[in-house]
């Protein structure tokens, strides 16, 4: 899903990745609520693995399961690259390029950013860990990252958060950590931090 920029001419590109059992539409609304995001061309990518939520007719998605994990990772990275390429051609998309993920979407955010041939300027990541399969040279391709967790988040532990910050710092990434009061959620505090992070490019 795409939300056009309110600015004339080429706009910076913000590409988002939703969490498990969410949709691209849900994540698009999160990204649009970031202060200053209206000046960006926003794209929210839906995971390839879609299913109905419970017994409803609501279609949601995930990025992968443990089955055929390596194949799913390759599919996701290639899919994201094709989306970014198509959007860049069809819309007035320029630099910078920022990837933003929540929960399960964080892993795809990091993998796609590390593999991107167009050059990612930074990452916004909340409530999900840095994939263990990305080594230091891969992480070093990401110049800057805003990494967040809720203090009561049971899915993304303080120990894992600290480990991820150490890995990113060791790779030379300009890391901006934020820990806020709350759980596994995209909070108002994190939204403000994301706005400040994006402001450095606009």
C-alpha atoms as a PDB file:
ATOM      1  CA  UNK A   1       0.000   0.000   0.000  1.00  0.00           C
ATOM      2  CA  UNK A   2       1.210   3.507  -0.856  1.00  0.00           C
ATOM      3  CA  UNK A   3       0.564   6.904   0.750  1.00  0.00           C
ATOM      4  CA  UNK A   4       1.790   9.719  -1.497  1.00  0.00           C
ATOM      5  CA  UNK A   5       3.926  12.527  -0.138  1.00  0.00           C
ATOM      6  CA  UNK A   6       2.380  15.936   0.478  1.00  0.00           C
ATOM      7  CA  UNK A   7       5.499  17.575  -1.005  1.00  0.00           C
ATOM      8  CA  UNK A   8       6.010  18.358  -4.664  1.00  0.00           C
ATOM      9  CA  UNK A   9       8.851  16.730  -6.555  1.00  0.00           C
ATOM     10  CA  UNK A  10      10.929  13.693  -5.597  1.00  0.00           C
ATOM     11  CA  UNK A  11      10.187  12.560  -2.043  1.00  0.00           C
ATOM     12  CA  UNK A  12      12.180  10.448   0.387  1.00  0.00           C
ATOM     13  CA  UNK A  13      10.939   6.878   0.676  1.00  0.00           C
ATOM     14  CA  UNK A  14       9.747   5.203   3.900  1.00  0.00           C
ATOM     15  CA  UNK A  15       9.117   1.468   3.495  1.00  0.00           C
ATOM     16  CA  UNK A  16       7.388  -0.452   6.295  1.00  0.00           C
ATOM     17  CA  UNK A  17       7.009  -4.070   7.400  1.00  0.00           C
ATOM     18  CA  UNK A  18       4.119  -5.124   9.678  1.00  0.00           C
ATOM     19  CA  UNK A  19       4.119  -7.606  12.543  1.00  0.00           C
ATOM     20  CA  UNK A  20       2.749 -11.144  12.727  1.00  0.00           C
ATOM     21  CA  UNK A  21      -0.991 -11.457  11.992  1.00  0.00           C
ATOM     22  CA  UNK A  22      -1.155  -7.841  10.881  1.00  0.00           C
ATOM     23  CA  UNK A  23      -1.728  -6.249   7.497  1.00  0.00           C
ATOM     24  CA  UNK A  24      -0.001  -3.682   5.322  1.00  0.00           C
ATOM     25  CA  UNK A  25      -2.946  -1.354   5.920  1.00  0.00           C
ATOM     26  CA  UNK A  26      -2.465  -1.471   9.700  1.00  0.00           C
ATOM     27  CA  UNK A  27       1.224  -0.674   9.429  1.00  0.00           C
ATOM     28  CA  UNK A  28       0.616   2.079   6.895  1.00  0.00           C
ATOM     29  CA  UNK A  29      -1.552   3.897   9.443  1.00  0.00           C
ATOM     30  CA  UNK A  30       1.234   3.617  12.023  1.00  0.00           C
ATOM     31  CA  UNK A  31       3.766   5.098   9.646  1.00  0.00           C
ATOM     32  CA  UNK A  32       1.450   7.890   8.540  1.00  0.00           C
ATOM     33  CA  UNK A  33       1.033   8.902  12.205  1.00  0.00           C
ATOM     34  CA  UNK A  34       4.766   9.536  12.652  1.00  0.00           C
ATOM     35  CA  UNK A  35       5.320  13.301  13.032  1.00  0.00           C
ATOM     36  CA  UNK A  36       6.551  14.708   9.721  1.00  0.00           C
ATOM     37  CA  UNK A  37       5.850  11.496   7.776  1.00  0.00           C
ATOM     38  CA  UNK A  38       3.486  13.327   5.399  1.00  0.00           C
ATOM     39  CA  UNK A  39       6.559  14.676   3.616  1.00  0.00           C
ATOM     40  CA  UNK A  40       7.623  11.118   2.785  1.00  0.00           C
ATOM     41  CA  UNK A  41       6.351   8.684   0.171  1.00  0.00           C
ATOM     42  CA  UNK A  42       5.242   5.822   2.420  1.00  0.00           C
ATOM     43  CA  UNK A  43       5.008   2.204   1.285  1.00  0.00           C
ATOM     44  CA  UNK A  44       3.711  -0.576   3.530  1.00  0.00           C
ATOM     45  CA  UNK A  45       4.581  -4.057   2.281  1.00  0.00           C
ATOM     46  CA  UNK A  46       2.300  -7.019   3.002  1.00  0.00           C
ATOM     47  CA  UNK A  47       3.969 -10.316   3.923  1.00  0.00           C
ATOM     48  CA  UNK A  48       3.792 -13.080   1.342  1.00  0.00           C
ATOM     49  CA  UNK A  49       2.331 -15.640   3.754  1.00  0.00           C
ATOM     50  CA  UNK A  50      -1.310 -14.622   4.145  1.00  0.00           C
ATOM     51  CA  UNK A  51      -4.107 -16.169   6.182  1.00  0.00           C
ATOM     52  CA  UNK A  52      -7.461 -15.383   7.789  1.00  0.00           C
ATOM     53  CA  UNK A  53      -7.379 -13.995  11.324  1.00  0.00           C
ATOM     54  CA  UNK A  54      -9.125 -16.590  13.509  1.00  0.00           C
ATOM     55  CA  UNK A  55     -12.604 -17.331  12.171  1.00  0.00           C
ATOM     56  CA  UNK A  56     -12.995 -13.926  10.568  1.00  0.00           C
ATOM     57  CA  UNK A  57     -12.666 -12.893   6.931  1.00  0.00           C
ATOM     58  CA  UNK A  58      -9.868 -10.438   7.797  1.00  0.00           C
ATOM     59  CA  UNK A  59      -6.776 -11.235   5.757  1.00  0.00           C
ATOM     60  CA  UNK A  60      -3.517 -10.808   7.657  1.00  0.00           C
ATOM     61  CA  UNK A  61      -0.010 -12.068   7.015  1.00  0.00           C
ATOM     62  CA  UNK A  62       3.285 -13.254   8.417  1.00  0.00           C
ATOM     63  CA  UNK A  63       6.786 -13.104   7.002  1.00  0.00           C
ATOM     64  CA  UNK A  64       7.662 -16.755   7.605  1.00  0.00           C
ATOM     65  CA  UNK A  65       7.391 -19.798   9.811  1.00  0.00           C
ATOM     66  CA  UNK A  66      10.131 -22.199  10.883  1.00  0.00           C
ATOM     67  CA  UNK A  67       9.322 -24.438   7.890  1.00  0.00           C
ATOM     68  CA  UNK A  68      11.536 -23.792   4.825  1.00  0.00           C
ATOM     69  CA  UNK A  69      12.876 -20.748   6.633  1.00  0.00           C
ATOM     70  CA  UNK A  70      15.855 -20.122   4.351  1.00  0.00           C
ATOM     71  CA  UNK A  71      13.654 -20.185   1.258  1.00  0.00           C
ATOM     72  CA  UNK A  72      11.197 -17.779   2.874  1.00  0.00           C
ATOM     73  CA  UNK A  73      14.011 -15.382   3.794  1.00  0.00           C
ATOM     74  CA  UNK A  74      15.229 -15.355   0.185  1.00  0.00           C
ATOM     75  CA  UNK A  75      11.678 -14.858  -1.101  1.00  0.00           C
ATOM     76  CA  UNK A  76      11.086 -11.946   1.281  1.00  0.00           C
ATOM     77  CA  UNK A  77      14.343 -10.157   0.443  1.00  0.00           C
ATOM     78  CA  UNK A  78      13.759 -10.513  -3.301  1.00  0.00           C
ATOM     79  CA  UNK A  79      10.136  -9.420  -2.939  1.00  0.00           C
ATOM     80  CA  UNK A  80      11.082  -6.268  -1.018  1.00  0.00           C
ATOM     81  CA  UNK A  81      13.736  -5.371  -3.581  1.00  0.00           C
ATOM     82  CA  UNK A  82      11.186  -5.660  -6.402  1.00  0.00           C
ATOM     83  CA  UNK A  83       8.666  -3.512  -4.492  1.00  0.00           C
ATOM     84  CA  UNK A  84      11.225  -0.770  -3.860  1.00  0.00           C
ATOM     85  CA  UNK A  85      12.316  -0.867  -7.503  1.00  0.00           C
ATOM     86  CA  UNK A  86       8.748  -0.655  -8.813  1.00  0.00           C
ATOM     87  CA  UNK A  87       7.752   2.152  -6.457  1.00  0.00           C
ATOM     88  CA  UNK A  88      10.897   4.111  -7.318  1.00  0.00           C
ATOM     89  CA  UNK A  89      10.023   3.871 -11.018  1.00  0.00           C
ATOM     90  CA  UNK A  90       6.290   4.583 -10.753  1.00  0.00           C
ATOM     91  CA  UNK A  91       6.401   7.342  -8.125  1.00  0.00           C
ATOM     92  CA  UNK A  92       8.621  10.349  -7.585  1.00  0.00           C
ATOM     93  CA  UNK A  93      10.774   8.538  -5.048  1.00  0.00           C
ATOM     94  CA  UNK A  94      14.216   9.788  -4.200  1.00  0.00           C
ATOM     95  CA  UNK A  95      16.665   9.497  -1.360  1.00  0.00           C
ATOM     96  CA  UNK A  96      16.864   8.879   1.504  1.00  0.00           C
ATOM     97  CA  UNK A  97      15.408   5.394   1.825  1.00  0.00           C
ATOM     98  CA  UNK A  98      14.345   4.296   5.324  1.00  0.00           C
ATOM     99  CA  UNK A  99      12.975   0.870   6.287  1.00  0.00           C
ATOM    100  CA  UNK A 100      10.653   0.610   9.305  1.00  0.00           C
ATOM    101  CA  UNK A 101       9.503  -2.626  10.944  1.00  0.00           C
ATOM    102  CA  UNK A 102       7.455  -3.771  13.918  1.00  0.00           C
ATOM    103  CA  UNK A 103       7.649  -7.115  15.757  1.00  0.00           C
ATOM    104  CA  UNK A 104       8.119  -9.983  13.273  1.00  0.00           C
ATOM    105  CA  UNK A 105       8.626  -7.396  10.523  1.00  0.00           C
ATOM    106  CA  UNK A 106      11.869  -6.222  12.145  1.00  0.00           C
ATOM    107  CA  UNK A 107      13.803  -9.251  10.894  1.00  0.00           C
ATOM    108  CA  UNK A 108      12.672  -8.580   7.324  1.00  0.00           C
ATOM    109  CA  UNK A 109      13.550  -4.916   7.797  1.00  0.00           C
ATOM    110  CA  UNK A 110      17.140  -5.738   8.675  1.00  0.00           C
ATOM    111  CA  UNK A 111      17.604  -8.452   6.066  1.00  0.00           C
ATOM    112  CA  UNK A 112      16.145  -6.341   3.254  1.00  0.00           C
ATOM    113  CA  UNK A 113      18.171  -3.291   4.286  1.00  0.00           C
ATOM    114  CA  UNK A 114      21.431  -5.242   4.438  1.00  0.00           C
ATOM    115  CA  UNK A 115      20.761  -6.733   0.983  1.00  0.00           C
ATOM    116  CA  UNK A 116      19.476  -3.552  -0.677  1.00  0.00           C
ATOM    117  CA  UNK A 117      21.354  -2.417  -3.776  1.00  0.00           C
ATOM    118  CA  UNK A 118      19.789   1.058  -3.690  1.00  0.00           C
ATOM    119  CA  UNK A 119      21.405   2.044  -0.410  1.00  0.00           C
ATOM    120  CA  UNK A 120      19.353   2.333   2.776  1.00  0.00           C
ATOM    121  CA  UNK A 121      19.978   5.431   4.889  1.00  0.00           C
ATOM    122  CA  UNK A 122      18.558   4.011   8.100  1.00  0.00           C
ATOM    123  CA  UNK A 123      16.207   1.682   9.932  1.00  0.00           C
ATOM    124  CA  UNK A 124      13.366   2.183  12.398  1.00  0.00           C
ATOM    125  CA  UNK A 125      12.809  -1.039  14.362  1.00  0.00           C
ATOM    126  CA  UNK A 126      10.483  -1.778  17.268  1.00  0.00           C
ATOM    127  CA  UNK A 127       9.787  -4.927  19.262  1.00  0.00           C
ATOM    128  CA  UNK A 128      11.845  -7.389  17.238  1.00  0.00           C
ATOM    129  CA  UNK A 129      15.407  -8.664  17.237  1.00  0.00           C
ATOM    130  CA  UNK A 130      18.231  -8.341  14.761  1.00  0.00           C
ATOM    131  CA  UNK A 131      18.400 -11.619  12.771  1.00  0.00           C
ATOM    132  CA  UNK A 132      21.284 -13.846  13.910  1.00  0.00           C
ATOM    133  CA  UNK A 133      22.119 -14.746  10.293  1.00  0.00           C
ATOM    134  CA  UNK A 134      23.335 -11.197   9.552  1.00  0.00           C
ATOM    135  CA  UNK A 135      27.059 -10.940  10.222  1.00  0.00           C
ATOM    136  CA  UNK A 136      29.005  -7.787  11.029  1.00  0.00           C
ATOM    137  CA  UNK A 137      29.795  -6.835   7.378  1.00  0.00           C
ATOM    138  CA  UNK A 138      26.086  -7.157   6.509  1.00  0.00           C
ATOM    139  CA  UNK A 139      25.003  -4.986   9.437  1.00  0.00           C
ATOM    140  CA  UNK A 140      27.706  -2.446   8.560  1.00  0.00           C
ATOM    141  CA  UNK A 141      25.738  -1.655   5.374  1.00  0.00           C
ATOM    142  CA  UNK A 142      23.121   0.035   7.565  1.00  0.00           C
ATOM    143  CA  UNK A 143      24.312   3.569   8.478  1.00  0.00           C
ATOM    144  CA  UNK A 144      21.838   4.371  11.270  1.00  0.00           C
ATOM    145  CA  UNK A 145      19.129   2.658  13.287  1.00  0.00           C
ATOM    146  CA  UNK A 146      16.458   3.641  15.796  1.00  0.00           C
ATOM    147  CA  UNK A 147      15.862   0.545  17.938  1.00  0.00           C
ATOM    148  CA  UNK A 148      13.056   0.390  20.489  1.00  0.00           C
ATOM    149  CA  UNK A 149      11.274  -1.824  22.973  1.00  0.00           C
ATOM    150  CA  UNK A 150       8.555  -1.424  25.565  1.00  0.00           C
ATOM    151  CA  UNK A 151       9.797  -1.962  29.110  1.00  0.00           C
ATOM    152  CA  UNK A 152       7.077  -4.599  29.641  1.00  0.00           C
ATOM    153  CA  UNK A 153       7.536  -6.337  26.293  1.00  0.00           C
ATOM    154  CA  UNK A 154       7.599 -10.096  26.934  1.00  0.00           C
ATOM    155  CA  UNK A 155       8.522 -10.923  23.345  1.00  0.00           C
ATOM    156  CA  UNK A 156      11.616  -8.731  22.993  1.00  0.00           C
ATOM    157  CA  UNK A 157      13.590  -9.139  26.207  1.00  0.00           C
ATOM    158  CA  UNK A 158      15.991  -6.637  27.813  1.00  0.00           C
ATOM    159  CA  UNK A 159      18.841  -9.116  27.297  1.00  0.00           C
ATOM    160  CA  UNK A 160      18.118  -9.480  23.578  1.00  0.00           C
ATOM    161  CA  UNK A 161      17.741  -5.708  23.236  1.00  0.00           C
ATOM    162  CA  UNK A 162      21.153  -5.174  24.852  1.00  0.00           C
ATOM    163  CA  UNK A 163      22.722  -7.857  22.656  1.00  0.00           C
ATOM    164  CA  UNK A 164      21.307  -6.267  19.496  1.00  0.00           C
ATOM    165  CA  UNK A 165      22.571  -2.830  20.476  1.00  0.00           C
ATOM    166  CA  UNK A 166      26.039  -4.292  21.044  1.00  0.00           C
ATOM    167  CA  UNK A 167      26.040  -6.078  17.680  1.00  0.00           C
ATOM    168  CA  UNK A 168      24.957  -2.957  15.805  1.00  0.00           C
ATOM    169  CA  UNK A 169      27.442  -0.726  17.601  1.00  0.00           C
ATOM    170  CA  UNK A 170      30.256  -3.187  16.870  1.00  0.00           C
ATOM    171  CA  UNK A 171      29.302  -3.049  13.181  1.00  0.00           C
ATOM    172  CA  UNK A 172      29.645   0.751  13.170  1.00  0.00           C
ATOM    173  CA  UNK A 173      25.920   1.505  12.983  1.00  0.00           C
ATOM    174  CA  UNK A 174      24.832   4.857  14.456  1.00  0.00           C
ATOM    175  CA  UNK A 175      22.404   3.353  16.977  1.00  0.00           C
ATOM    176  CA  UNK A 176      19.653   5.352  18.732  1.00  0.00           C
ATOM    177  CA  UNK A 177      18.062   3.145  21.429  1.00  0.00           C
ATOM    178  CA  UNK A 178      14.736   3.934  23.088  1.00  0.00           C
ATOM    179  CA  UNK A 179      12.976   2.036  25.864  1.00  0.00           C
ATOM    180  CA  UNK A 180       9.536   3.318  26.836  1.00  0.00           C
ATOM    181  CA  UNK A 181       6.792   2.528  29.347  1.00  0.00           C
ATOM    182  CA  UNK A 182       4.558  -0.044  27.691  1.00  0.00           C
ATOM    183  CA  UNK A 183       4.489  -3.495  26.186  1.00  0.00           C
ATOM    184  CA  UNK A 184       4.668  -5.007  22.720  1.00  0.00           C
ATOM    185  CA  UNK A 185       3.154  -2.002  20.978  1.00  0.00           C
ATOM    186  CA  UNK A 186       3.886   0.917  18.667  1.00  0.00           C
ATOM    187  CA  UNK A 187       3.541   3.597  21.328  1.00  0.00           C
ATOM    188  CA  UNK A 188       3.189   7.382  21.193  1.00  0.00           C
ATOM    189  CA  UNK A 189       6.654   7.692  22.744  1.00  0.00           C
ATOM    190  CA  UNK A 190       8.173   5.571  20.003  1.00  0.00           C
ATOM    191  CA  UNK A 191       6.247   7.502  17.377  1.00  0.00           C
ATOM    192  CA  UNK A 192       7.823  10.750  18.581  1.00  0.00           C
ATOM    193  CA  UNK A 193      11.281   9.174  18.526  1.00  0.00           C
ATOM    194  CA  UNK A 194      10.663   7.948  14.965  1.00  0.00           C
ATOM    195  CA  UNK A 195       9.670  11.475  13.946  1.00  0.00           C
ATOM    196  CA  UNK A 196      12.902  12.861  15.374  1.00  0.00           C
ATOM    197  CA  UNK A 197      14.880  10.151  13.610  1.00  0.00           C
ATOM    198  CA  UNK A 198      13.294  10.955  10.234  1.00  0.00           C
ATOM    199  CA  UNK A 199      13.683  14.697  10.733  1.00  0.00           C
ATOM    200  CA  UNK A 200      17.431  14.555  10.204  1.00  0.00           C
ATOM    201  CA  UNK A 201      16.821  13.831   6.506  1.00  0.00           C
ATOM    202  CA  UNK A 202      14.047  16.413   5.912  1.00  0.00           C
END
